């Protein structure tokens, strides 16, 4: 069964639209994605959804590193033991 869609028109001032579009892009979302996500959360939770935030610098760096690793199909660790050793070493930080 094909899903039908309908258009939703929302009026906002130009600056709000520009700033929101930029922030959402940093989260990997389009304006339409964000509105759909918002509406689905309202339905599921029967409440106003939680706020999404732009990732901080450390998280953005980790995301960029991950994308680079996936693109080059490389791993930071050569074995599972190396991964676990690094986790143990850094778990007290």
PDB file of N, CA and C in Angstrom:
ATOM      1  N   UNK A   1       0.841  -1.175   0.000  1.00  0.00           N
ATOM      2  CA  UNK A   1       0.000   0.000   0.000  1.00  0.00           C
ATOM      3  C   UNK A   1       0.890   1.242   0.000  1.00  0.00           C
ATOM      4  N   UNK A   2       0.661   2.129  -0.913  1.00  0.00           N
ATOM      5  CA  UNK A   2       1.470   3.342  -1.028  1.00  0.00           C
ATOM      6  C   UNK A   2       1.064   4.355   0.035  1.00  0.00           C
ATOM      7  N   UNK A   3       2.066   4.993   0.605  1.00  0.00           N
ATOM      8  CA  UNK A   3       1.815   6.025   1.598  1.00  0.00           C
ATOM      9  C   UNK A   3       1.594   7.349   0.888  1.00  0.00           C
ATOM     10  N   UNK A   4       0.565   8.042   1.278  1.00  0.00           N
ATOM     11  CA  UNK A   4       0.339   9.367   0.705  1.00  0.00           C
ATOM     12  C   UNK A   4       0.926  10.396   1.651  1.00  0.00           C
ATOM     13  N   UNK A   5       1.354  11.494   1.089  1.00  0.00           N
ATOM     14  CA  UNK A   5       1.909  12.573   1.892  1.00  0.00           C
ATOM     15  C   UNK A   5       1.140  13.842   1.611  1.00  0.00           C
ATOM     16  N   UNK A   6       1.273  14.787   2.504  1.00  0.00           N
ATOM     17  CA  UNK A   6       0.667  16.085   2.279  1.00  0.00           C
ATOM     18  C   UNK A   6       1.676  17.161   2.648  1.00  0.00           C
ATOM     19  N   UNK A   7       1.489  18.302   2.096  1.00  0.00           N
ATOM     20  CA  UNK A   7       2.394  19.417   2.291  1.00  0.00           C
ATOM     21  C   UNK A   7       2.029  20.150   3.586  1.00  0.00           C
ATOM     22  N   UNK A   8       3.056  20.527   4.336  1.00  0.00           N
ATOM     23  CA  UNK A   8       2.877  21.295   5.566  1.00  0.00           C
ATOM     24  C   UNK A   8       3.599  22.625   5.371  1.00  0.00           C
ATOM     25  N   UNK A   9       2.903  23.710   5.465  1.00  0.00           N
ATOM     26  CA  UNK A   9       3.499  25.033   5.291  1.00  0.00           C
ATOM     27  C   UNK A   9       3.630  25.699   6.650  1.00  0.00           C
ATOM     28  N   UNK A  10       4.820  26.188   6.942  1.00  0.00           N
ATOM     29  CA  UNK A  10       5.085  26.848   8.218  1.00  0.00           C
ATOM     30  C   UNK A  10       5.708  28.203   7.936  1.00  0.00           C
ATOM     31  N   UNK A  11       5.204  29.228   8.544  1.00  0.00           N
ATOM     32  CA  UNK A  11       5.765  30.561   8.348  1.00  0.00           C
ATOM     33  C   UNK A  11       6.724  30.900   9.484  1.00  0.00           C
ATOM     34  N   UNK A  12       7.953  31.243   9.107  1.00  0.00           N
ATOM     35  CA  UNK A  12       8.956  31.722  10.052  1.00  0.00           C
ATOM     36  C   UNK A  12       9.710  32.859   9.380  1.00  0.00           C
ATOM     37  N   UNK A  13      10.313  33.706  10.190  1.00  0.00           N
ATOM     38  CA  UNK A  13      11.079  34.798   9.596  1.00  0.00           C
ATOM     39  C   UNK A  13      12.334  34.243   8.924  1.00  0.00           C
ATOM     40  N   UNK A  14      12.860  34.986   7.952  1.00  0.00           N
ATOM     41  CA  UNK A  14      13.995  34.516   7.144  1.00  0.00           C
ATOM     42  C   UNK A  14      15.207  34.141   7.985  1.00  0.00           C
ATOM     43  N   UNK A  15      15.532  34.952   8.985  1.00  0.00           N
ATOM     44  CA  UNK A  15      16.727  34.694   9.793  1.00  0.00           C
ATOM     45  C   UNK A  15      16.588  33.403  10.597  1.00  0.00           C
ATOM     46  N   UNK A  16      15.397  33.157  11.132  1.00  0.00           N
ATOM     47  CA  UNK A  16      15.155  31.913  11.862  1.00  0.00           C
ATOM     48  C   UNK A  16      15.337  30.717  10.939  1.00  0.00           C
ATOM     49  N   UNK A  17      14.801  30.812   9.726  1.00  0.00           N
ATOM     50  CA  UNK A  17      14.926  29.721   8.765  1.00  0.00           C
ATOM     51  C   UNK A  17      16.392  29.462   8.416  1.00  0.00           C
ATOM     52  N   UNK A  18      17.154  30.520   8.163  1.00  0.00           N
ATOM     53  CA  UNK A  18      18.571  30.371   7.807  1.00  0.00           C
ATOM     54  C   UNK A  18      19.350  29.740   8.960  1.00  0.00           C
ATOM     55  N   UNK A  19      19.169  30.269  10.159  1.00  0.00           N
ATOM     56  CA  UNK A  19      19.911  29.756  11.308  1.00  0.00           C
ATOM     57  C   UNK A  19      19.526  28.316  11.628  1.00  0.00           C
ATOM     58  N   UNK A  20      18.245  27.995  11.551  1.00  0.00           N
ATOM     59  CA  UNK A  20      17.796  26.628  11.827  1.00  0.00           C
ATOM     60  C   UNK A  20      18.315  25.667  10.765  1.00  0.00           C
ATOM     61  N   UNK A  21      18.291  26.078   9.519  1.00  0.00           N
ATOM     62  CA  UNK A  21      18.792  25.233   8.434  1.00  0.00           C
ATOM     63  C   UNK A  21      20.269  24.929   8.636  1.00  0.00           C
ATOM     64  N   UNK A  22      21.046  25.928   9.028  1.00  0.00           N
ATOM     65  CA  UNK A  22      22.483  25.729   9.268  1.00  0.00           C
ATOM     66  C   UNK A  22      22.722  24.776  10.438  1.00  0.00           C
ATOM     67  N   UNK A  23      22.008  24.982  11.531  1.00  0.00           N
ATOM     68  CA  UNK A  23      22.181  24.121  12.711  1.00  0.00           C
ATOM     69  C   UNK A  23      21.767  22.683  12.395  1.00  0.00           C
ATOM     70  N   UNK A  24      20.655  22.516  11.705  1.00  0.00           N
ATOM     71  CA  UNK A  24      20.189  21.169  11.356  1.00  0.00           C
ATOM     72  C   UNK A  24      21.171  20.473  10.425  1.00  0.00           C
ATOM     73  N   UNK A  25      21.751  21.224   9.503  1.00  0.00           N
ATOM     74  CA  UNK A  25      22.737  20.638   8.591  1.00  0.00           C
ATOM     75  C   UNK A  25      23.926  20.092   9.374  1.00  0.00           C
ATOM     76  N   UNK A  26      24.330  20.788  10.431  1.00  0.00           N
ATOM     77  CA  UNK A  26      25.424  20.309  11.270  1.00  0.00           C
ATOM     78  C   UNK A  26      25.062  19.011  11.985  1.00  0.00           C
ATOM     79  N   UNK A  27      23.777  18.775  12.165  1.00  0.00           N
ATOM     80  CA  UNK A  27      23.297  17.539  12.783  1.00  0.00           C
ATOM     81  C   UNK A  27      22.996  16.476  11.740  1.00  0.00           C
ATOM     82  N   UNK A  28      23.182  16.824  10.465  1.00  0.00           N
ATOM     83  CA  UNK A  28      22.917  15.873   9.396  1.00  0.00           C
ATOM     84  C   UNK A  28      21.450  15.766   9.023  1.00  0.00           C
ATOM     85  N   UNK A  29      20.675  16.794   9.326  1.00  0.00           N
ATOM     86  CA  UNK A  29      19.239  16.778   9.053  1.00  0.00           C
ATOM     87  C   UNK A  29      18.851  17.913   8.122  1.00  0.00           C
ATOM     88  N   UNK A  30      17.855  17.657   7.289  1.00  0.00           N
ATOM     89  CA  UNK A  30      17.239  18.731   6.514  1.00  0.00           C
ATOM     90  C   UNK A  30      16.095  19.317   7.345  1.00  0.00           C
ATOM     91  N   UNK A  31      15.553  20.418   6.882  1.00  0.00           N
ATOM     92  CA  UNK A  31      14.407  21.012   7.575  1.00  0.00           C
ATOM     93  C   UNK A  31      13.237  20.019   7.570  1.00  0.00           C
ATOM     94  N   UNK A  32      13.000  19.368   6.426  1.00  0.00           N
ATOM     95  CA  UNK A  32      11.912  18.385   6.338  1.00  0.00           C
ATOM     96  C   UNK A  32      12.153  17.208   7.271  1.00  0.00           C
ATOM     97  N   UNK A  33      13.410  16.724   7.326  1.00  0.00           N
ATOM     98  CA  UNK A  33      13.732  15.622   8.248  1.00  0.00           C
ATOM     99  C   UNK A  33      13.399  16.018   9.679  1.00  0.00           C
ATOM    100  N   UNK A  34      13.778  17.227  10.059  1.00  0.00           N
ATOM    101  CA  UNK A  34      13.570  17.686  11.432  1.00  0.00           C
ATOM    102  C   UNK A  34      12.089  17.786  11.765  1.00  0.00           C
ATOM    103  N   UNK A  35      11.295  18.300  10.834  1.00  0.00           N
ATOM    104  CA  UNK A  35       9.854  18.420  11.085  1.00  0.00           C
ATOM    105  C   UNK A  35       9.226  17.030  11.202  1.00  0.00           C
ATOM    106  N   UNK A  36       9.609  16.106  10.300  1.00  0.00           N
ATOM    107  CA  UNK A  36       9.080  14.733  10.388  1.00  0.00           C
ATOM    108  C   UNK A  36       9.469  14.086  11.712  1.00  0.00           C
ATOM    109  N   UNK A  37      10.730  14.235  12.106  1.00  0.00           N
ATOM    110  CA  UNK A  37      11.201  13.674  13.372  1.00  0.00           C
ATOM    111  C   UNK A  37      10.416  14.268  14.542  1.00  0.00           C
ATOM    112  N   UNK A  38      10.259  15.569  14.520  1.00  0.00           N
ATOM    113  CA  UNK A  38       9.502  16.257  15.565  1.00  0.00           C
ATOM    114  C   UNK A  38       8.083  15.684  15.671  1.00  0.00           C
ATOM    115  N   UNK A  39       7.402  15.564  14.542  1.00  0.00           N
ATOM    116  CA  UNK A  39       6.017  15.082  14.560  1.00  0.00           C
ATOM    117  C   UNK A  39       5.924  13.626  15.003  1.00  0.00           C
ATOM    118  N   UNK A  40       6.857  12.797  14.576  1.00  0.00           N
ATOM    119  CA  UNK A  40       6.857  11.392  15.030  1.00  0.00           C
ATOM    120  C   UNK A  40       7.067  11.306  16.543  1.00  0.00           C
ATOM    121  N   UNK A  41       7.964  12.121  17.087  1.00  0.00           N
ATOM    122  CA  UNK A  41       8.202  12.095  18.538  1.00  0.00           C
ATOM    123  C   UNK A  41       6.967  12.580  19.290  1.00  0.00           C
ATOM    124  N   UNK A  42       6.293  13.572  18.778  1.00  0.00           N
ATOM    125  CA  UNK A  42       5.061  14.035  19.420  1.00  0.00           C
ATOM    126  C   UNK A  42       4.054  12.887  19.483  1.00  0.00           C
ATOM    127  N   UNK A  43       3.939  12.147  18.377  1.00  0.00           N
ATOM    128  CA  UNK A  43       2.993  11.021  18.324  1.00  0.00           C
ATOM    129  C   UNK A  43       3.399   9.938  19.319  1.00  0.00           C
ATOM    130  N   UNK A  44       4.652   9.530  19.281  1.00  0.00           N
ATOM    131  CA  UNK A  44       5.117   8.423  20.123  1.00  0.00           C
ATOM    132  C   UNK A  44       5.052   8.788  21.604  1.00  0.00           C
ATOM    133  N   UNK A  45       5.548   9.974  21.950  1.00  0.00           N
ATOM    134  CA  UNK A  45       5.646  10.381  23.354  1.00  0.00           C
ATOM    135  C   UNK A  45       4.385  11.059  23.882  1.00  0.00           C
ATOM    136  N   UNK A  46       3.537  11.501  22.961  1.00  0.00           N
ATOM    137  CA  UNK A  46       2.371  12.300  23.354  1.00  0.00           C
ATOM    138  C   UNK A  46       2.816  13.493  24.204  1.00  0.00           C
ATOM    139  N   UNK A  47       3.947  14.064  23.786  1.00  0.00           N
ATOM    140  CA  UNK A  47       4.521  15.211  24.500  1.00  0.00           C
ATOM    141  C   UNK A  47       5.446  15.951  23.553  1.00  0.00           C
ATOM    142  N   UNK A  48       5.833  17.141  23.941  1.00  0.00           N
ATOM    143  CA  UNK A  48       6.804  17.906  23.171  1.00  0.00           C
ATOM    144  C   UNK A  48       8.156  17.212  23.275  1.00  0.00           C
ATOM    145  N   UNK A  49       8.824  16.949  22.134  1.00  0.00           N
ATOM    146  CA  UNK A  49      10.068  16.162  22.173  1.00  0.00           C
ATOM    147  C   UNK A  49      11.244  16.899  22.801  1.00  0.00           C
ATOM    148  N   UNK A  50      12.261  16.098  23.138  1.00  0.00           N
ATOM    149  CA  UNK A  50      13.486  16.664  23.698  1.00  0.00           C
ATOM    150  C   UNK A  50      14.215  17.487  22.659  1.00  0.00           C
ATOM    151  N   UNK A  51      15.059  18.350  23.129  1.00  0.00           N
ATOM    152  CA  UNK A  51      15.819  19.249  22.276  1.00  0.00           C
ATOM    153  C   UNK A  51      17.051  18.537  21.689  1.00  0.00           C
ATOM    154  N   UNK A  52      17.298  18.727  20.403  1.00  0.00           N
ATOM    155  CA  UNK A  52      18.524  18.267  19.764  1.00  0.00           C
ATOM    156  C   UNK A  52      19.521  19.407  19.769  1.00  0.00           C
ATOM    157  N   UNK A  53      20.782  19.081  19.963  1.00  0.00           N
ATOM    158  CA  UNK A  53      21.807  20.123  20.002  1.00  0.00           C
ATOM    159  C   UNK A  53      22.902  19.828  19.000  1.00  0.00           C
ATOM    160  N   UNK A  54      23.581  20.879  18.577  1.00  0.00           N
ATOM    161  CA  UNK A  54      24.739  20.731  17.702  1.00  0.00           C
ATOM    162  C   UNK A  54      25.841  20.060  18.512  1.00  0.00           C
ATOM    163  N   UNK A  55      26.497  19.035  17.965  1.00  0.00           N
ATOM    164  CA  UNK A  55      27.568  18.359  18.706  1.00  0.00           C
ATOM    165  C   UNK A  55      28.703  19.326  19.051  1.00  0.00           C
ATOM    166  N   UNK A  56      29.344  19.103  20.211  1.00  0.00           N
ATOM    167  CA  UNK A  56      30.466  19.954  20.592  1.00  0.00           C
ATOM    168  C   UNK A  56      31.687  19.609  19.742  1.00  0.00           C
ATOM    169  N   UNK A  57      32.762  20.363  19.890  1.00  0.00           N
ATOM    170  CA  UNK A  57      33.954  20.207  19.054  1.00  0.00           C
ATOM    171  C   UNK A  57      34.547  18.801  19.158  1.00  0.00           C
ATOM    172  N   UNK A  58      34.596  18.244  20.356  1.00  0.00           N
ATOM    173  CA  UNK A  58      35.161  16.909  20.542  1.00  0.00           C
ATOM    174  C   UNK A  58      34.331  15.847  19.814  1.00  0.00           C
ATOM    175  N   UNK A  59      33.011  15.966  19.916  1.00  0.00           N
ATOM    176  CA  UNK A  59      32.130  15.017  19.243  1.00  0.00           C
ATOM    177  C   UNK A  59      32.220  15.164  17.732  1.00  0.00           C
ATOM    178  N   UNK A  60      32.268  16.414  17.236  1.00  0.00           N
ATOM    179  CA  UNK A  60      32.412  16.631  15.790  1.00  0.00           C
ATOM    180  C   UNK A  60      33.715  16.032  15.278  1.00  0.00           C
ATOM    181  N   UNK A  61      34.804  16.164  16.044  1.00  0.00           N
ATOM    182  CA  UNK A  61      36.094  15.591  15.643  1.00  0.00           C
ATOM    183  C   UNK A  61      36.011  14.069  15.596  1.00  0.00           C
ATOM    184  N   UNK A  62      35.354  13.466  16.572  1.00  0.00           N
ATOM    185  CA  UNK A  62      35.194  12.008  16.593  1.00  0.00           C
ATOM    186  C   UNK A  62      34.340  11.541  15.418  1.00  0.00           C
ATOM    187  N   UNK A  63      33.294  12.299  15.093  1.00  0.00           N
ATOM    188  CA  UNK A  63      32.448  11.954  13.960  1.00  0.00           C
ATOM    189  C   UNK A  63      33.237  12.041  12.654  1.00  0.00           C
ATOM    190  N   UNK A  64      34.045  13.078  12.505  1.00  0.00           N
ATOM    191  CA  UNK A  64      34.864  13.245  11.297  1.00  0.00           C
ATOM    192  C   UNK A  64      35.880  12.108  11.185  1.00  0.00           C
ATOM    193  N   UNK A  65      36.497  11.753  12.312  1.00  0.00           N
ATOM    194  CA  UNK A  65      37.460  10.648  12.309  1.00  0.00           C
ATOM    195  C   UNK A  65      36.772   9.348  11.908  1.00  0.00           C
ATOM    196  N   UNK A  66      35.593   9.122  12.433  1.00  0.00           N
ATOM    197  CA  UNK A  66      34.846   7.907  12.115  1.00  0.00           C
ATOM    198  C   UNK A  66      34.496   7.853  10.634  1.00  0.00           C
ATOM    199  N   UNK A  67      34.025   8.972  10.086  1.00  0.00           N
ATOM    200  CA  UNK A  67      33.686   9.005   8.657  1.00  0.00           C
ATOM    201  C   UNK A  67      34.915   8.735   7.804  1.00  0.00           C
ATOM    202  N   UNK A  68      36.045   9.312   8.199  1.00  0.00           N
ATOM    203  CA  UNK A  68      37.293   9.112   7.469  1.00  0.00           C
ATOM    204  C   UNK A  68      37.708   7.651   7.521  1.00  0.00           C
ATOM    205  N   UNK A  69      37.598   7.047   8.687  1.00  0.00           N
ATOM    206  CA  UNK A  69      37.963   5.639   8.845  1.00  0.00           C
ATOM    207  C   UNK A  69      37.055   4.743   8.018  1.00  0.00           C
ATOM    208  N   UNK A  70      35.764   5.057   8.001  1.00  0.00           N
ATOM    209  CA  UNK A  70      34.835   4.250   7.212  1.00  0.00           C
ATOM    210  C   UNK A  70      35.117   4.404   5.721  1.00  0.00           C
ATOM    211  N   UNK A  71      35.430   5.635   5.295  1.00  0.00           N
ATOM    212  CA  UNK A  71      35.698   5.885   3.879  1.00  0.00           C
ATOM    213  C   UNK A  71      36.956   5.151   3.416  1.00  0.00           C
ATOM    214  N   UNK A  72      37.966   5.109   4.279  1.00  0.00           N
ATOM    215  CA  UNK A  72      39.222   4.451   3.898  1.00  0.00           C
ATOM    216  C   UNK A  72      39.260   2.985   4.324  1.00  0.00           C
ATOM    217  N   UNK A  73      38.187   2.552   4.991  1.00  0.00           N
ATOM    218  CA  UNK A  73      38.081   1.171   5.479  1.00  0.00           C
ATOM    219  C   UNK A  73      39.268   0.785   6.357  1.00  0.00           C
ATOM    220  N   UNK A  74      39.694   1.724   7.200  1.00  0.00           N
ATOM    221  CA  UNK A  74      40.787   1.429   8.118  1.00  0.00           C
ATOM    222  C   UNK A  74      40.268   1.457   9.547  1.00  0.00           C
ATOM    223  N   UNK A  75      41.025   0.876  10.441  1.00  0.00           N
ATOM    224  CA  UNK A  75      40.656   0.816  11.845  1.00  0.00           C
ATOM    225  C   UNK A  75      41.755   1.467  12.669  1.00  0.00           C
ATOM    226  N   UNK A  76      41.372   2.056  13.779  1.00  0.00           N
ATOM    227  CA  UNK A  76      42.363   2.653  14.673  1.00  0.00           C
ATOM    228  C   UNK A  76      43.161   1.571  15.391  1.00  0.00           C
ATOM    229  N   UNK A  77      42.561   0.396  15.562  1.00  0.00           N
ATOM    230  CA  UNK A  77      43.201  -0.688  16.295  1.00  0.00           C
ATOM    231  C   UNK A  77      43.451  -1.870  15.361  1.00  0.00           C
ATOM    232  N   UNK A  78      44.549  -2.558  15.588  1.00  0.00           N
ATOM    233  CA  UNK A  78      44.914  -3.690  14.737  1.00  0.00           C
ATOM    234  C   UNK A  78      44.292  -4.996  15.201  1.00  0.00           C
ATOM    235  N   UNK A  79      43.785  -5.022  16.444  1.00  0.00           N
ATOM    236  CA  UNK A  79      43.170  -6.237  16.969  1.00  0.00           C
ATOM    237  C   UNK A  79      42.184  -5.872  18.076  1.00  0.00           C
ATOM    238  N   UNK A  80      41.374  -6.843  18.444  1.00  0.00           N
ATOM    239  CA  UNK A  80      40.437  -6.640  19.550  1.00  0.00           C
ATOM    240  C   UNK A  80      41.199  -6.399  20.853  1.00  0.00           C
ATOM    241  N   UNK A  81      42.323  -7.108  21.038  1.00  0.00           N
ATOM    242  CA  UNK A  81      43.133  -6.902  22.245  1.00  0.00           C
ATOM    243  C   UNK A  81      43.632  -5.470  22.340  1.00  0.00           C
ATOM    244  N   UNK A  82      44.063  -4.912  21.217  1.00  0.00           N
ATOM    245  CA  UNK A  82      44.539  -3.525  21.213  1.00  0.00           C
ATOM    246  C   UNK A  82      43.410  -2.573  21.590  1.00  0.00           C
ATOM    247  N   UNK A  83      42.205  -2.831  21.094  1.00  0.00           N
ATOM    248  CA  UNK A  83      41.048  -2.015  21.444  1.00  0.00           C
ATOM    249  C   UNK A  83      40.769  -2.097  22.933  1.00  0.00           C
ATOM    250  N   UNK A  84      40.712  -3.315  23.481  1.00  0.00           N
ATOM    251  CA  UNK A  84      40.415  -3.475  24.901  1.00  0.00           C
ATOM    252  C   UNK A  84      41.507  -2.875  25.783  1.00  0.00           C
ATOM    253  N   UNK A  85      42.761  -3.001  25.379  1.00  0.00           N
ATOM    254  CA  UNK A  85      43.856  -2.394  26.131  1.00  0.00           C
ATOM    255  C   UNK A  85      43.693  -0.872  26.173  1.00  0.00           C
ATOM    256  N   UNK A  86      43.335  -0.282  25.043  1.00  0.00           N
ATOM    257  CA  UNK A  86      43.120   1.168  24.997  1.00  0.00           C
ATOM    258  C   UNK A  86      41.933   1.574  25.871  1.00  0.00           C
ATOM    259  N   UNK A  87      40.858   0.808  25.838  1.00  0.00           N
ATOM    260  CA  UNK A  87      39.705   1.094  26.687  1.00  0.00           C
ATOM    261  C   UNK A  87      40.076   1.037  28.156  1.00  0.00           C
ATOM    262  N   UNK A  88      40.826   0.021  28.557  1.00  0.00           N
ATOM    263  CA  UNK A  88      41.234  -0.099  29.956  1.00  0.00           C
ATOM    264  C   UNK A  88      42.128   1.048  30.360  1.00  0.00           C
ATOM    265  N   UNK A  89      43.064   1.399  29.486  1.00  0.00           N
ATOM    266  CA  UNK A  89      44.016   2.482  29.787  1.00  0.00           C
ATOM    267  C   UNK A  89      43.296   3.809  29.943  1.00  0.00           C
ATOM    268  N   UNK A  90      42.278   4.061  29.145  1.00  0.00           N
ATOM    269  CA  UNK A  90      41.599   5.356  29.134  1.00  0.00           C
ATOM    270  C   UNK A  90      40.302   5.379  29.935  1.00  0.00           C
ATOM    271  N   UNK A  91      39.944   4.291  30.572  1.00  0.00           N
ATOM    272  CA  UNK A  91      38.672   4.259  31.312  1.00  0.00           C
ATOM    273  C   UNK A  91      38.703   5.083  32.583  1.00  0.00           C
ATOM    274  N   UNK A  92      39.870   5.395  33.080  1.00  0.00           N
ATOM    275  CA  UNK A  92      39.948   6.175  34.324  1.00  0.00           C
ATOM    276  C   UNK A  92      39.954   7.668  34.072  1.00  0.00           C
ATOM    277  N   UNK A  93      39.940   8.084  32.787  1.00  0.00           N
ATOM    278  CA  UNK A  93      39.965   9.520  32.452  1.00  0.00           C
ATOM    279  C   UNK A  93      38.653  10.167  32.720  1.00  0.00           C
TER     280      UNK A  93
END
